[in-house]
Amino acid sequence: MSWAYSPSYGKPLSVPQGIIALMSRFGMHIELAYPEGYGLIPEIVEIAKTNAKQSGGSFTVSYSMSDAMRDADIVYPKSWAPYHIMQQRTRLLMAGTKPG
């Protein structure tokens, strides 16, 4: 699962989190690759680690796209906003602060 650039900022975290949480249940060897600062919700990452351990798969995180994709059978690129930005965006939306 790889972060990918998109000109529209603020993409949700749901797709990469859903992929790592689900596929780690089936024994896949998953490498989550993203630039530093684009981490996902920590609890979901921990779920993926636990699932991988229980299923006989593996789960690692890399900040190097080229290293992460080396020898990969499947690459799933997806843009997402950093978790801390999504937290801020949620607070602004709940407060009705559209300019923010």
N, C-alpha and C. Protein backbone atom coordinates (compact mmCIF):
# COMPACT_ATOMS: atom_id res chain seq x y z
N MET A 1 0.86 -1.16 0.00
CA MET A 1 0.00 0.00 0.00
C MET A 1 0.90 1.21 0.00
N SER A 2 0.76 2.04 -1.01
CA SER A 2 1.68 3.17 -1.17
C SER A 2 0.93 4.48 -1.27
N TRP A 3 1.44 5.48 -0.56
CA TRP A 3 0.92 6.83 -0.73
C TRP A 3 1.27 7.28 -2.13
N ALA A 4 0.39 8.07 -2.73
CA ALA A 4 0.64 8.62 -4.07
C ALA A 4 0.20 10.08 -4.09
N TYR A 5 0.87 10.88 -4.87
CA TYR A 5 0.54 12.29 -4.98
C TYR A 5 -0.82 12.47 -5.66
N SER A 6 -1.56 13.47 -5.19
CA SER A 6 -2.80 13.90 -5.85
C SER A 6 -2.88 15.41 -5.73
N PRO A 7 -3.30 16.11 -6.79
CA PRO A 7 -3.41 17.57 -6.69
C PRO A 7 -4.53 18.02 -5.77
N SER A 8 -5.51 17.16 -5.51
CA SER A 8 -6.57 17.55 -4.56
C SER A 8 -6.20 17.01 -3.18
N TYR A 9 -6.01 17.93 -2.27
CA TYR A 9 -5.51 17.60 -0.95
C TYR A 9 -6.65 17.17 -0.03
N GLY A 10 -6.35 16.44 0.98
CA GLY A 10 -7.34 16.10 1.99
C GLY A 10 -8.09 14.82 1.72
N LYS A 11 -7.49 13.90 0.98
CA LYS A 11 -8.13 12.62 0.71
C LYS A 11 -8.23 11.84 2.02
N PRO A 12 -9.33 11.11 2.21
CA PRO A 12 -9.51 10.37 3.47
C PRO A 12 -8.54 9.20 3.63
N LEU A 13 -8.42 8.77 4.87
CA LEU A 13 -7.51 7.69 5.24
C LEU A 13 -8.17 6.32 5.11
N SER A 14 -9.45 6.28 4.79
CA SER A 14 -10.21 5.03 4.87
C SER A 14 -9.70 3.94 3.94
N VAL A 15 -9.32 4.25 2.72
CA VAL A 15 -8.88 3.20 1.79
C VAL A 15 -7.59 2.54 2.26
N PRO A 16 -6.51 3.28 2.52
CA PRO A 16 -5.30 2.58 2.95
C PRO A 16 -5.48 1.84 4.28
N GLN A 17 -6.25 2.41 5.17
CA GLN A 17 -6.48 1.74 6.46
C GLN A 17 -7.30 0.48 6.28
N GLY A 18 -8.32 0.55 5.43
CA GLY A 18 -9.13 -0.64 5.17
C GLY A 18 -8.31 -1.74 4.51
N ILE A 19 -7.45 -1.36 3.57
CA ILE A 19 -6.61 -2.35 2.88
C ILE A 19 -5.67 -3.05 3.85
N ILE A 20 -4.96 -2.29 4.68
CA ILE A 20 -3.99 -2.93 5.57
C ILE A 20 -4.68 -3.76 6.65
N ALA A 21 -5.83 -3.30 7.13
CA ALA A 21 -6.54 -4.04 8.17
C ALA A 21 -7.13 -5.34 7.61
N LEU A 22 -7.64 -5.30 6.40
CA LEU A 22 -8.26 -6.48 5.81
C LEU A 22 -7.22 -7.47 5.28
N MET A 23 -6.33 -7.02 4.45
CA MET A 23 -5.38 -7.94 3.81
C MET A 23 -4.42 -8.58 4.80
N SER A 24 -4.16 -7.91 5.89
CA SER A 24 -3.28 -8.51 6.91
C SER A 24 -3.95 -9.71 7.59
N ARG A 25 -5.24 -9.84 7.46
CA ARG A 25 -5.95 -10.99 8.05
C ARG A 25 -5.76 -12.26 7.23
N PHE A 26 -5.28 -12.13 5.99
CA PHE A 26 -5.22 -13.26 5.08
C PHE A 26 -3.79 -13.72 4.77
N GLY A 27 -2.86 -13.38 5.63
CA GLY A 27 -1.49 -13.86 5.48
C GLY A 27 -0.66 -13.15 4.43
N MET A 28 -1.11 -12.00 3.98
CA MET A 28 -0.33 -11.27 2.98
C MET A 28 0.89 -10.61 3.63
N HIS A 29 1.89 -10.37 2.83
CA HIS A 29 3.08 -9.66 3.27
C HIS A 29 2.93 -8.22 2.78
N ILE A 30 2.66 -7.33 3.70
CA ILE A 30 2.29 -5.96 3.37
C ILE A 30 3.39 -5.00 3.78
N GLU A 31 3.69 -4.10 2.88
CA GLU A 31 4.60 -2.99 3.19
C GLU A 31 3.80 -1.71 2.96
N LEU A 32 3.64 -0.93 3.99
CA LEU A 32 2.96 0.36 3.91
C LEU A 32 4.03 1.41 3.68
N ALA A 33 3.93 2.12 2.56
CA ALA A 33 4.95 3.10 2.20
C ALA A 33 4.34 4.48 2.07
N TYR A 34 4.96 5.44 2.75
CA TYR A 34 4.49 6.82 2.67
C TYR A 34 5.61 7.76 3.10
N PRO A 35 5.53 9.02 2.67
CA PRO A 35 6.54 9.99 3.13
C PRO A 35 6.36 10.24 4.64
N GLU A 36 7.43 10.57 5.30
CA GLU A 36 7.33 10.88 6.73
C GLU A 36 6.29 11.96 6.94
N GLY A 37 5.47 11.77 7.97
CA GLY A 37 4.42 12.72 8.29
C GLY A 37 3.06 12.34 7.75
N TYR A 38 2.98 11.27 6.95
CA TYR A 38 1.72 10.84 6.35
C TYR A 38 1.19 9.56 6.98
N GLY A 39 1.53 9.34 8.24
CA GLY A 39 1.10 8.13 8.92
C GLY A 39 -0.41 8.02 9.04
N LEU A 40 -0.87 6.80 9.24
CA LEU A 40 -2.29 6.51 9.40
C LEU A 40 -2.65 6.52 10.88
N ILE A 41 -3.90 6.25 11.20
CA ILE A 41 -4.33 6.21 12.60
C ILE A 41 -3.55 5.07 13.29
N PRO A 42 -2.85 5.38 14.36
CA PRO A 42 -1.97 4.38 14.99
C PRO A 42 -2.69 3.09 15.39
N GLU A 43 -3.92 3.17 15.85
CA GLU A 43 -4.64 1.97 16.27
C GLU A 43 -4.87 1.02 15.08
N ILE A 44 -5.11 1.57 13.90
CA ILE A 44 -5.32 0.74 12.71
C ILE A 44 -4.01 0.05 12.31
N VAL A 45 -2.92 0.77 12.41
CA VAL A 45 -1.61 0.19 12.10
C VAL A 45 -1.33 -0.97 13.07
N GLU A 46 -1.65 -0.80 14.33
CA GLU A 46 -1.45 -1.86 15.32
C GLU A 46 -2.33 -3.07 15.00
N ILE A 47 -3.55 -2.83 14.56
CA ILE A 47 -4.44 -3.93 14.17
C ILE A 47 -3.83 -4.71 13.01
N ALA A 48 -3.28 -4.00 12.03
CA ALA A 48 -2.65 -4.66 10.89
C ALA A 48 -1.45 -5.50 11.34
N LYS A 49 -0.66 -4.98 12.26
CA LYS A 49 0.49 -5.73 12.77
C LYS A 49 0.03 -7.00 13.47
N THR A 50 -0.99 -6.88 14.31
CA THR A 50 -1.52 -8.03 15.04
C THR A 50 -2.12 -9.06 14.07
N ASN A 51 -2.90 -8.58 13.12
CA ASN A 51 -3.49 -9.49 12.13
C ASN A 51 -2.42 -10.25 11.37
N ALA A 52 -1.38 -9.53 10.93
CA ALA A 52 -0.31 -10.17 10.16
C ALA A 52 0.38 -11.25 10.99
N LYS A 53 0.64 -10.96 12.23
CA LYS A 53 1.29 -11.93 13.10
C LYS A 53 0.42 -13.18 13.27
N GLN A 54 -0.88 -12.98 13.48
CA GLN A 54 -1.80 -14.09 13.69
C GLN A 54 -2.04 -14.91 12.42
N SER A 55 -1.95 -14.28 11.26
CA SER A 55 -2.25 -14.97 10.00
C SER A 55 -1.03 -15.58 9.33
N GLY A 56 0.16 -15.28 9.86
CA GLY A 56 1.38 -15.79 9.25
C GLY A 56 1.94 -14.88 8.17
N GLY A 57 1.36 -13.70 8.01
CA GLY A 57 1.85 -12.71 7.06
C GLY A 57 2.88 -11.81 7.72
N SER A 58 3.06 -10.65 7.13
CA SER A 58 3.97 -9.66 7.72
C SER A 58 3.46 -8.27 7.41
N PHE A 59 3.88 -7.33 8.22
CA PHE A 59 3.48 -5.93 8.04
C PHE A 59 4.65 -5.05 8.43
N THR A 60 5.10 -4.21 7.49
CA THR A 60 6.17 -3.27 7.77
C THR A 60 5.80 -1.90 7.21
N VAL A 61 6.47 -0.89 7.72
CA VAL A 61 6.28 0.49 7.26
C VAL A 61 7.60 0.98 6.69
N SER A 62 7.52 1.68 5.56
CA SER A 62 8.71 2.22 4.91
C SER A 62 8.44 3.66 4.49
N TYR A 63 9.47 4.50 4.58
CA TYR A 63 9.37 5.88 4.10
C TYR A 63 10.02 6.03 2.72
N SER A 64 10.46 4.92 2.16
CA SER A 64 11.10 4.92 0.84
C SER A 64 10.22 4.17 -0.14
N MET A 65 9.65 4.88 -1.10
CA MET A 65 8.79 4.24 -2.08
C MET A 65 9.57 3.21 -2.91
N SER A 66 10.77 3.56 -3.32
CA SER A 66 11.55 2.63 -4.16
C SER A 66 11.91 1.36 -3.39
N ASP A 67 12.30 1.49 -2.13
CA ASP A 67 12.60 0.30 -1.33
C ASP A 67 11.36 -0.55 -1.11
N ALA A 68 10.24 0.09 -0.83
CA ALA A 68 9.01 -0.64 -0.55
C ALA A 68 8.50 -1.40 -1.76
N MET A 69 8.72 -0.87 -2.94
CA MET A 69 8.17 -1.50 -4.15
C MET A 69 9.09 -2.54 -4.76
N ARG A 70 10.31 -2.58 -4.29
CA ARG A 70 11.26 -3.57 -4.82
C ARG A 70 10.73 -4.97 -4.54
N ASP A 71 10.64 -5.79 -5.55
CA ASP A 71 10.17 -7.18 -5.47
C ASP A 71 8.70 -7.33 -5.10
N ALA A 72 7.93 -6.25 -5.19
CA ALA A 72 6.50 -6.34 -4.88
C ALA A 72 5.75 -7.05 -6.00
N ASP A 73 4.77 -7.85 -5.64
CA ASP A 73 3.89 -8.49 -6.62
C ASP A 73 2.73 -7.57 -6.98
N ILE A 74 2.28 -6.79 -6.01
CA ILE A 74 1.16 -5.87 -6.19
C ILE A 74 1.52 -4.54 -5.55
N VAL A 75 1.21 -3.44 -6.22
CA VAL A 75 1.38 -2.11 -5.64
C VAL A 75 0.03 -1.40 -5.76
N TYR A 76 -0.48 -0.91 -4.64
CA TYR A 76 -1.75 -0.20 -4.61
C TYR A 76 -1.46 1.24 -4.21
N PRO A 77 -1.33 2.17 -5.18
CA PRO A 77 -1.08 3.57 -4.85
C PRO A 77 -2.38 4.30 -4.53
N LYS A 78 -2.36 5.14 -3.51
CA LYS A 78 -3.54 5.89 -3.10
C LYS A 78 -3.09 7.14 -2.35
N SER A 79 -3.70 8.25 -2.67
CA SER A 79 -3.40 9.49 -1.96
C SER A 79 -4.20 9.55 -0.66
N TRP A 80 -3.60 10.10 0.37
CA TRP A 80 -4.33 10.39 1.60
C TRP A 80 -3.64 11.54 2.30
N ALA A 81 -4.43 12.25 3.09
CA ALA A 81 -3.89 13.37 3.86
C ALA A 81 -3.28 12.83 5.16
N PRO A 82 -2.32 13.54 5.72
CA PRO A 82 -1.76 13.11 7.01
C PRO A 82 -2.85 13.05 8.09
N TYR A 83 -2.71 12.11 8.98
CA TYR A 83 -3.68 11.91 10.05
C TYR A 83 -3.92 13.20 10.84
N HIS A 84 -2.86 13.93 11.19
CA HIS A 84 -3.03 15.14 11.99
C HIS A 84 -3.82 16.21 11.24
N ILE A 85 -3.70 16.25 9.92
CA ILE A 85 -4.48 17.19 9.12
C ILE A 85 -5.95 16.78 9.10
N MET A 86 -6.20 15.49 9.00
CA MET A 86 -7.58 15.00 9.00
C MET A 86 -8.24 15.27 10.35
N GLN A 87 -7.48 15.16 11.44
CA GLN A 87 -8.03 15.50 12.75
C GLN A 87 -8.44 16.96 12.80
N GLN A 88 -7.58 17.84 12.31
CA GLN A 88 -7.86 19.28 12.28
C GLN A 88 -9.07 19.56 11.39
N ARG A 89 -9.11 18.93 10.23
CA ARG A 89 -10.22 19.12 9.30
C ARG A 89 -11.55 18.69 9.92
N THR A 90 -11.54 17.58 10.64
CA THR A 90 -12.76 17.09 11.31
C THR A 90 -13.24 18.10 12.34
N ARG A 91 -12.32 18.64 13.14
CA ARG A 91 -12.71 19.64 14.15
C ARG A 91 -13.32 20.88 13.48
N LEU A 92 -12.72 21.34 12.39
CA LEU A 92 -13.25 22.51 11.68
C LEU A 92 -14.63 22.24 11.08
N LEU A 93 -14.80 21.07 10.50
CA LEU A 93 -16.11 20.71 9.92
C LEU A 93 -17.18 20.62 11.00
N MET A 94 -16.84 20.03 12.14
CA MET A 94 -17.81 19.89 13.24
C MET A 94 -18.18 21.26 13.80
N ALA A 95 -17.26 22.20 13.76
CA ALA A 95 -17.52 23.54 14.27
C ALA A 95 -18.18 24.42 13.22
N GLY A 96 -18.33 23.90 12.00
CA GLY A 96 -18.95 24.68 10.93
C GLY A 96 -18.05 25.79 10.39
N THR A 97 -16.75 25.63 10.55
CA THR A 97 -15.79 26.63 10.11
C THR A 97 -15.33 26.31 8.68
N LYS A 98 -16.11 26.69 7.71
CA LYS A 98 -15.80 26.36 6.32
C LYS A 98 -14.52 27.02 5.80
N PRO A 99 -14.21 28.27 6.14
CA PRO A 99 -12.99 28.87 5.63
C PRO A 99 -11.74 28.10 6.06
N GLY A 100 -11.77 27.51 7.25
CA GLY A 100 -10.61 26.75 7.75
C GLY A 100 -10.39 25.50 6.97
